[in-house]
Amino acid sequence: MGGHRYLARRTGRERPPLDLAGIDPVQASEIEAMLSTVSAGMNDLALRLWCRLNPLVRRCVPARAIEAAPVPRAARLRFADGTAVIVRSAVPGDVGALALAMRRGSVKATACSTSPDGATRLVFTFPGGHRELSLRVLGLDQPD
């Protein structure tokens, strides 16, 4: 089953049509075909990430370490079962806040979601349930 169809069924939305008015019809169809290919690829990645991370959430596998990543403005997040992902925060400082919370106690992802645009997010709730943050998962990674 294609990832974009799966996500469209889960979210009820597919990529909105592109307004290509005023563009040569041949070029417009080529652009639409390229965008569909990119969209399908992003949704396939999102589906693979969701299938890999959702069981971690269901089993309450704690995050164990945050390290520097080979990607600018991103971090490597390792889980207790050995899974490693590259993440980026939408809010500056959230990765650091998660690292600090991990030093104080066990931190578990409470949700894994995929948005219509193909972004996969992990939501973490801090010990005591007083704070929550969301990290965008850029992809799976292997420990160095």
N, C-alpha and C. Protein backbone atom coordinates (compact mmCIF):
# COMPACT_ATOMS: atom_id res chain seq x y z
N MET A 1 0.85 -1.17 0.00
CA MET A 1 0.00 0.00 0.00
C MET A 1 0.90 1.23 0.00
N GLY A 2 0.64 2.19 -0.86
CA GLY A 2 1.44 3.41 -0.93
C GLY A 2 1.28 4.25 0.30
N GLY A 3 2.37 4.86 0.74
CA GLY A 3 2.36 5.67 1.95
C GLY A 3 1.41 6.85 1.85
N HIS A 4 1.36 7.50 0.65
CA HIS A 4 0.50 8.67 0.54
C HIS A 4 -0.97 8.28 0.65
N ARG A 5 -1.35 7.11 0.15
CA ARG A 5 -2.74 6.67 0.29
C ARG A 5 -3.04 6.35 1.75
N TYR A 6 -2.07 5.71 2.43
CA TYR A 6 -2.26 5.36 3.83
C TYR A 6 -2.43 6.63 4.66
N LEU A 7 -1.55 7.62 4.44
CA LEU A 7 -1.64 8.85 5.21
C LEU A 7 -2.90 9.62 4.87
N ALA A 8 -3.29 9.60 3.60
CA ALA A 8 -4.52 10.29 3.22
C ALA A 8 -5.70 9.65 3.94
N ARG A 9 -5.69 8.32 4.05
CA ARG A 9 -6.77 7.65 4.76
C ARG A 9 -6.73 7.99 6.24
N ARG A 10 -5.53 8.07 6.83
CA ARG A 10 -5.40 8.38 8.26
C ARG A 10 -5.80 9.83 8.55
N THR A 11 -5.41 10.75 7.67
CA THR A 11 -5.63 12.16 7.95
C THR A 11 -6.84 12.72 7.24
N GLY A 12 -7.31 12.00 6.22
CA GLY A 12 -8.44 12.48 5.45
C GLY A 12 -8.05 13.54 4.43
N ARG A 13 -6.73 13.78 4.24
CA ARG A 13 -6.29 14.81 3.31
C ARG A 13 -5.12 14.33 2.48
N GLU A 14 -5.10 14.71 1.24
CA GLU A 14 -3.95 14.48 0.38
C GLU A 14 -3.36 15.85 0.07
N ARG A 15 -2.25 15.86 -0.68
CA ARG A 15 -1.62 17.11 -1.06
C ARG A 15 -2.63 17.93 -1.86
N PRO A 16 -2.81 19.21 -1.51
CA PRO A 16 -3.77 20.03 -2.26
C PRO A 16 -3.27 20.23 -3.69
N PRO A 17 -4.21 20.40 -4.63
CA PRO A 17 -3.79 20.60 -6.01
C PRO A 17 -3.03 21.92 -6.16
N LEU A 18 -2.07 21.93 -7.05
CA LEU A 18 -1.24 23.10 -7.30
C LEU A 18 -1.92 23.96 -8.36
N ASP A 19 -1.94 25.28 -8.15
CA ASP A 19 -2.51 26.19 -9.13
C ASP A 19 -1.46 26.47 -10.20
N LEU A 20 -1.63 25.87 -11.37
CA LEU A 20 -0.67 26.02 -12.45
C LEU A 20 -1.24 26.84 -13.60
N ALA A 21 -2.16 27.75 -13.28
CA ALA A 21 -2.76 28.60 -14.31
C ALA A 21 -1.68 29.46 -14.94
N GLY A 22 -1.75 29.59 -16.25
CA GLY A 22 -0.78 30.42 -16.97
C GLY A 22 0.49 29.71 -17.35
N ILE A 23 0.60 28.44 -17.01
CA ILE A 23 1.79 27.65 -17.36
C ILE A 23 1.42 26.73 -18.51
N ASP A 24 2.36 26.53 -19.40
CA ASP A 24 2.16 25.63 -20.53
C ASP A 24 1.63 24.28 -20.01
N PRO A 25 0.56 23.74 -20.60
CA PRO A 25 -0.03 22.48 -20.11
C PRO A 25 0.96 21.32 -20.04
N VAL A 26 1.88 21.24 -20.98
CA VAL A 26 2.87 20.15 -20.95
C VAL A 26 3.79 20.31 -19.73
N GLN A 27 4.26 21.55 -19.53
CA GLN A 27 5.11 21.81 -18.36
C GLN A 27 4.32 21.61 -17.06
N ALA A 28 3.06 22.02 -17.07
CA ALA A 28 2.23 21.87 -15.87
C ALA A 28 2.09 20.40 -15.50
N SER A 29 1.88 19.54 -16.49
CA SER A 29 1.73 18.11 -16.19
C SER A 29 3.06 17.52 -15.71
N GLU A 30 4.19 18.01 -16.25
CA GLU A 30 5.50 17.54 -15.79
C GLU A 30 5.74 17.98 -14.34
N ILE A 31 5.39 19.21 -14.04
CA ILE A 31 5.56 19.72 -12.66
C ILE A 31 4.69 18.92 -11.70
N GLU A 32 3.46 18.69 -12.09
CA GLU A 32 2.54 17.92 -11.24
C GLU A 32 3.07 16.51 -11.01
N ALA A 33 3.62 15.88 -12.05
CA ALA A 33 4.18 14.54 -11.91
C ALA A 33 5.38 14.53 -10.96
N MET A 34 6.25 15.54 -11.08
CA MET A 34 7.42 15.61 -10.19
C MET A 34 6.98 15.83 -8.74
N LEU A 35 6.01 16.72 -8.53
CA LEU A 35 5.54 16.97 -7.17
C LEU A 35 4.86 15.75 -6.58
N SER A 36 4.14 15.01 -7.40
CA SER A 36 3.51 13.78 -6.91
C SER A 36 4.55 12.76 -6.49
N THR A 37 5.63 12.66 -7.24
CA THR A 37 6.71 11.73 -6.90
C THR A 37 7.36 12.14 -5.58
N VAL A 38 7.64 13.43 -5.43
CA VAL A 38 8.25 13.92 -4.18
C VAL A 38 7.30 13.69 -3.02
N SER A 39 6.04 14.01 -3.21
CA SER A 39 5.04 13.83 -2.15
C SER A 39 4.93 12.37 -1.73
N ALA A 40 4.91 11.48 -2.72
CA ALA A 40 4.83 10.05 -2.40
C ALA A 40 6.07 9.60 -1.63
N GLY A 41 7.23 10.10 -2.02
CA GLY A 41 8.47 9.74 -1.31
C GLY A 41 8.46 10.22 0.12
N MET A 42 7.98 11.45 0.34
CA MET A 42 7.91 11.97 1.70
C MET A 42 6.92 11.18 2.53
N ASN A 43 5.80 10.84 1.95
CA ASN A 43 4.80 10.08 2.68
C ASN A 43 5.27 8.65 2.96
N ASP A 44 6.04 8.06 2.03
CA ASP A 44 6.59 6.73 2.27
C ASP A 44 7.57 6.77 3.45
N LEU A 45 8.41 7.81 3.50
CA LEU A 45 9.33 7.96 4.63
C LEU A 45 8.55 8.15 5.92
N ALA A 46 7.52 8.99 5.89
CA ALA A 46 6.71 9.22 7.08
C ALA A 46 6.06 7.93 7.56
N LEU A 47 5.59 7.13 6.62
CA LEU A 47 4.96 5.85 6.99
C LEU A 47 5.98 4.91 7.62
N ARG A 48 7.18 4.84 7.04
CA ARG A 48 8.22 3.97 7.62
C ARG A 48 8.62 4.45 9.02
N LEU A 49 8.76 5.76 9.19
CA LEU A 49 9.11 6.29 10.51
C LEU A 49 8.00 5.98 11.52
N TRP A 50 6.77 6.21 11.13
CA TRP A 50 5.65 5.97 12.03
C TRP A 50 5.59 4.49 12.41
N CYS A 51 5.78 3.60 11.44
CA CYS A 51 5.74 2.16 11.73
C CYS A 51 6.87 1.74 12.66
N ARG A 52 7.99 2.42 12.60
CA ARG A 52 9.12 2.09 13.47
C ARG A 52 8.98 2.72 14.86
N LEU A 53 8.44 3.93 14.92
CA LEU A 53 8.40 4.66 16.20
C LEU A 53 7.14 4.41 17.01
N ASN A 54 6.03 4.14 16.37
CA ASN A 54 4.79 3.94 17.11
C ASN A 54 4.89 2.79 18.12
N PRO A 55 5.55 1.66 17.78
CA PRO A 55 5.71 0.61 18.81
C PRO A 55 6.53 1.07 20.02
N LEU A 56 7.50 1.97 19.80
CA LEU A 56 8.27 2.51 20.94
C LEU A 56 7.35 3.28 21.88
N VAL A 57 6.44 4.03 21.29
CA VAL A 57 5.49 4.80 22.10
C VAL A 57 4.57 3.85 22.85
N ARG A 58 4.01 2.86 22.14
CA ARG A 58 3.09 1.92 22.77
C ARG A 58 3.77 1.14 23.90
N ARG A 59 5.04 0.76 23.73
CA ARG A 59 5.76 -0.01 24.75
C ARG A 59 6.40 0.86 25.81
N CYS A 60 6.25 2.18 25.68
CA CYS A 60 6.83 3.15 26.65
C CYS A 60 8.33 3.01 26.77
N VAL A 61 9.02 2.85 25.64
CA VAL A 61 10.49 2.76 25.64
C VAL A 61 11.04 4.15 25.91
N PRO A 62 11.85 4.31 26.96
CA PRO A 62 12.35 5.65 27.29
C PRO A 62 13.48 6.10 26.38
N ALA A 63 13.56 7.41 26.20
CA ALA A 63 14.69 8.02 25.51
C ALA A 63 15.86 8.00 26.49
N ARG A 64 17.05 7.67 26.00
CA ARG A 64 18.20 7.52 26.89
C ARG A 64 19.31 8.54 26.68
N ALA A 65 19.47 9.04 25.45
CA ALA A 65 20.59 9.96 25.20
C ALA A 65 20.26 10.90 24.05
N ILE A 66 20.81 12.10 24.14
CA ILE A 66 20.76 13.07 23.05
C ILE A 66 22.19 13.44 22.75
N GLU A 67 22.54 13.37 21.47
CA GLU A 67 23.92 13.64 21.03
C GLU A 67 23.91 14.56 19.83
N ALA A 68 25.09 15.04 19.49
CA ALA A 68 25.23 15.83 18.27
C ALA A 68 24.92 14.95 17.07
N ALA A 69 24.33 15.55 16.06
CA ALA A 69 23.97 14.81 14.84
C ALA A 69 24.80 15.35 13.67
N PRO A 70 24.89 14.55 12.62
CA PRO A 70 25.64 15.00 11.44
C PRO A 70 24.84 15.97 10.57
N VAL A 71 23.74 16.49 11.09
CA VAL A 71 22.87 17.41 10.36
C VAL A 71 22.83 18.72 11.14
N PRO A 72 22.98 19.87 10.48
CA PRO A 72 22.93 21.15 11.20
C PRO A 72 21.59 21.34 11.91
N ARG A 73 21.64 21.94 13.10
CA ARG A 73 20.46 22.25 13.91
C ARG A 73 19.60 21.03 14.21
N ALA A 74 20.24 19.89 14.39
CA ALA A 74 19.51 18.66 14.69
C ALA A 74 20.29 17.89 15.75
N ALA A 75 19.65 16.87 16.30
CA ALA A 75 20.28 16.04 17.32
C ALA A 75 19.95 14.58 17.07
N ARG A 76 20.81 13.71 17.55
CA ARG A 76 20.55 12.26 17.51
C ARG A 76 19.92 11.90 18.83
N LEU A 77 18.75 11.27 18.77
CA LEU A 77 18.03 10.83 19.95
C LEU A 77 18.07 9.32 19.99
N ARG A 78 18.61 8.76 21.08
CA ARG A 78 18.69 7.31 21.23
C ARG A 78 17.68 6.84 22.27
N PHE A 79 17.06 5.70 21.95
CA PHE A 79 16.12 5.08 22.86
C PHE A 79 16.76 3.88 23.53
N ALA A 80 16.14 3.41 24.61
CA ALA A 80 16.67 2.30 25.39
C ALA A 80 16.79 1.01 24.59
N ASP A 81 15.99 0.83 23.56
CA ASP A 81 16.06 -0.39 22.77
C ASP A 81 17.11 -0.33 21.66
N GLY A 82 17.85 0.79 21.56
CA GLY A 82 18.89 0.94 20.55
C GLY A 82 18.47 1.74 19.33
N THR A 83 17.20 2.05 19.21
CA THR A 83 16.74 2.86 18.08
C THR A 83 17.33 4.25 18.19
N ALA A 84 17.83 4.77 17.07
CA ALA A 84 18.37 6.12 17.03
C ALA A 84 17.71 6.88 15.89
N VAL A 85 17.27 8.11 16.18
CA VAL A 85 16.64 8.95 15.17
C VAL A 85 17.27 10.34 15.20
N ILE A 86 17.19 11.01 14.06
CA ILE A 86 17.63 12.40 13.97
C ILE A 86 16.38 13.27 14.16
N VAL A 87 16.46 14.22 15.09
CA VAL A 87 15.31 15.06 15.42
C VAL A 87 15.70 16.54 15.35
N ARG A 88 14.68 17.34 15.20
CA ARG A 88 14.86 18.80 15.20
C ARG A 88 13.67 19.38 15.96
N SER A 89 13.93 20.40 16.74
CA SER A 89 12.82 21.03 17.49
C SER A 89 12.32 22.26 16.76
N ALA A 90 11.03 22.50 16.88
CA ALA A 90 10.43 23.69 16.29
C ALA A 90 10.69 24.90 17.18
N VAL A 91 10.79 24.64 18.47
CA VAL A 91 11.00 25.71 19.44
C VAL A 91 12.46 25.64 19.91
N PRO A 92 13.23 26.72 19.74
CA PRO A 92 14.62 26.69 20.19
C PRO A 92 14.72 26.32 21.66
N GLY A 93 15.64 25.43 21.97
CA GLY A 93 15.87 25.01 23.34
C GLY A 93 15.13 23.76 23.76
N ASP A 94 14.21 23.27 22.95
CA ASP A 94 13.45 22.08 23.34
C ASP A 94 14.32 20.83 23.44
N VAL A 95 15.31 20.71 22.56
CA VAL A 95 16.19 19.54 22.63
C VAL A 95 16.99 19.59 23.93
N GLY A 96 17.47 20.76 24.29
CA GLY A 96 18.19 20.92 25.56
C GLY A 96 17.30 20.65 26.76
N ALA A 97 16.07 21.11 26.70
CA ALA A 97 15.12 20.87 27.79
C ALA A 97 14.85 19.37 27.94
N LEU A 98 14.75 18.68 26.80
CA LEU A 98 14.55 17.23 26.86
C LEU A 98 15.77 16.54 27.46
N ALA A 99 16.95 16.97 27.08
CA ALA A 99 18.19 16.39 27.63
C ALA A 99 18.24 16.60 29.14
N LEU A 100 17.87 17.77 29.60
CA LEU A 100 17.86 18.05 31.05
C LEU A 100 16.84 17.18 31.76
N ALA A 101 15.67 17.03 31.19
CA ALA A 101 14.63 16.18 31.79
C ALA A 101 15.09 14.73 31.85
N MET A 102 15.84 14.29 30.83
CA MET A 102 16.33 12.91 30.81
C MET A 102 17.33 12.68 31.93
N ARG A 103 18.08 13.69 32.30
CA ARG A 103 19.03 13.55 33.42
C ARG A 103 18.31 13.43 34.75
N ARG A 104 17.12 14.00 34.83
CA ARG A 104 16.35 13.99 36.08
C ARG A 104 15.48 12.76 36.24
N GLY A 105 15.17 12.07 35.14
CA GLY A 105 14.30 10.90 35.24
C GLY A 105 14.00 10.33 33.87
N SER A 106 13.20 9.31 33.87
CA SER A 106 12.83 8.62 32.64
C SER A 106 11.86 9.47 31.82
N VAL A 107 12.20 9.66 30.56
CA VAL A 107 11.35 10.43 29.65
C VAL A 107 10.92 9.52 28.52
N LYS A 108 9.61 9.45 28.32
CA LYS A 108 9.06 8.56 27.29
C LYS A 108 8.25 9.37 26.30
N ALA A 109 8.30 8.94 25.05
CA ALA A 109 7.44 9.55 24.04
C ALA A 109 6.01 9.12 24.33
N THR A 110 5.10 10.07 24.29
CA THR A 110 3.69 9.75 24.58
C THR A 110 2.85 9.67 23.32
N ALA A 111 3.40 10.15 22.20
CA ALA A 111 2.65 10.08 20.94
C ALA A 111 3.60 10.16 19.76
N CYS A 112 3.19 9.54 18.68
CA CYS A 112 3.89 9.63 17.40
C CYS A 112 2.82 9.95 16.37
N SER A 113 3.03 11.01 15.62
CA SER A 113 2.02 11.41 14.65
C SER A 113 2.67 11.79 13.33
N THR A 114 1.87 11.73 12.29
CA THR A 114 2.31 12.12 10.96
C THR A 114 1.33 13.15 10.43
N SER A 115 1.86 14.29 10.00
CA SER A 115 0.99 15.35 9.48
C SER A 115 0.74 15.13 8.00
N PRO A 116 -0.25 15.81 7.45
CA PRO A 116 -0.55 15.66 6.02
C PRO A 116 0.61 16.02 5.11
N ASP A 117 1.51 16.89 5.58
CA ASP A 117 2.65 17.26 4.73
C ASP A 117 3.80 16.25 4.81
N GLY A 118 3.61 15.16 5.55
CA GLY A 118 4.61 14.10 5.62
C GLY A 118 5.59 14.22 6.78
N ALA A 119 5.37 15.15 7.68
CA ALA A 119 6.26 15.31 8.83
C ALA A 119 5.86 14.35 9.95
N THR A 120 6.84 13.66 10.50
CA THR A 120 6.61 12.76 11.63
C THR A 120 7.08 13.46 12.89
N ARG A 121 6.27 13.42 13.92
CA ARG A 121 6.60 14.08 15.19
C ARG A 121 6.48 13.11 16.34
N LEU A 122 7.40 13.26 17.28
CA LEU A 122 7.33 12.55 18.55
C LEU A 122 7.00 13.57 19.62
N VAL A 123 6.05 13.24 20.47
CA VAL A 123 5.66 14.11 21.58
C VAL A 123 6.16 13.48 22.86
N PHE A 124 6.82 14.27 23.69
CA PHE A 124 7.35 13.81 24.97
C PHE A 124 6.66 14.56 26.09
N THR A 125 6.34 13.82 27.15
CA THR A 125 5.80 14.42 28.36
C THR A 125 6.84 14.23 29.45
N PHE A 126 7.18 15.30 30.12
CA PHE A 126 8.21 15.25 31.16
C PHE A 126 7.70 14.54 32.40
N PRO A 127 8.61 14.02 33.21
CA PRO A 127 8.18 13.38 34.46
C PRO A 127 7.29 14.33 35.27
N GLY A 128 6.22 13.80 35.77
CA GLY A 128 5.26 14.61 36.51
C GLY A 128 4.16 15.16 35.62
N GLY A 129 4.35 15.04 34.30
CA GLY A 129 3.33 15.47 33.35
C GLY A 129 3.12 16.97 33.28
N HIS A 130 4.08 17.78 33.74
CA HIS A 130 3.87 19.21 33.78
C HIS A 130 4.29 19.93 32.50
N ARG A 131 5.00 19.24 31.61
CA ARG A 131 5.42 19.89 30.36
C ARG A 131 5.45 18.88 29.23
N GLU A 132 5.16 19.38 28.04
CA GLU A 132 5.14 18.52 26.86
C GLU A 132 5.87 19.26 25.74
N LEU A 133 6.59 18.51 24.92
CA LEU A 133 7.22 19.11 23.75
C LEU A 133 7.18 18.15 22.58
N SER A 134 7.31 18.72 21.40
CA SER A 134 7.20 17.94 20.17
C SER A 134 8.48 18.11 19.36
N LEU A 135 9.02 17.01 18.87
CA LEU A 135 10.22 17.03 18.03
C LEU A 135 9.88 16.44 16.67
N ARG A 136 10.36 17.07 15.62
CA ARG A 136 10.18 16.53 14.27
C ARG A 136 11.27 15.49 14.02
N VAL A 137 10.87 14.33 13.56
CA VAL A 137 11.82 13.25 13.26
C VAL A 137 12.22 13.39 11.80
N LEU A 138 13.51 13.61 11.57
CA LEU A 138 14.01 13.77 10.20
C LEU A 138 14.29 12.42 9.55
N GLY A 139 14.63 11.42 10.38
CA GLY A 139 14.89 10.09 9.84
C GLY A 139 15.54 9.19 10.88
N LEU A 140 15.67 7.93 10.52
CA LEU A 140 16.36 6.98 11.38
C LEU A 140 17.85 7.20 11.25
N ASP A 141 18.59 6.80 12.26
CA ASP A 141 20.05 6.95 12.23
C ASP A 141 20.67 5.73 12.87
N GLN A 142 21.94 5.55 12.60
CA GLN A 142 22.70 4.48 13.24
C GLN A 142 23.69 5.14 14.20
N PRO A 143 23.88 4.53 15.37
CA PRO A 143 24.87 5.09 16.29
C PRO A 143 26.25 5.01 15.66
N ASP A 144 27.09 5.99 15.97
CA ASP A 144 28.46 6.00 15.44
C ASP A 144 29.28 4.86 15.99
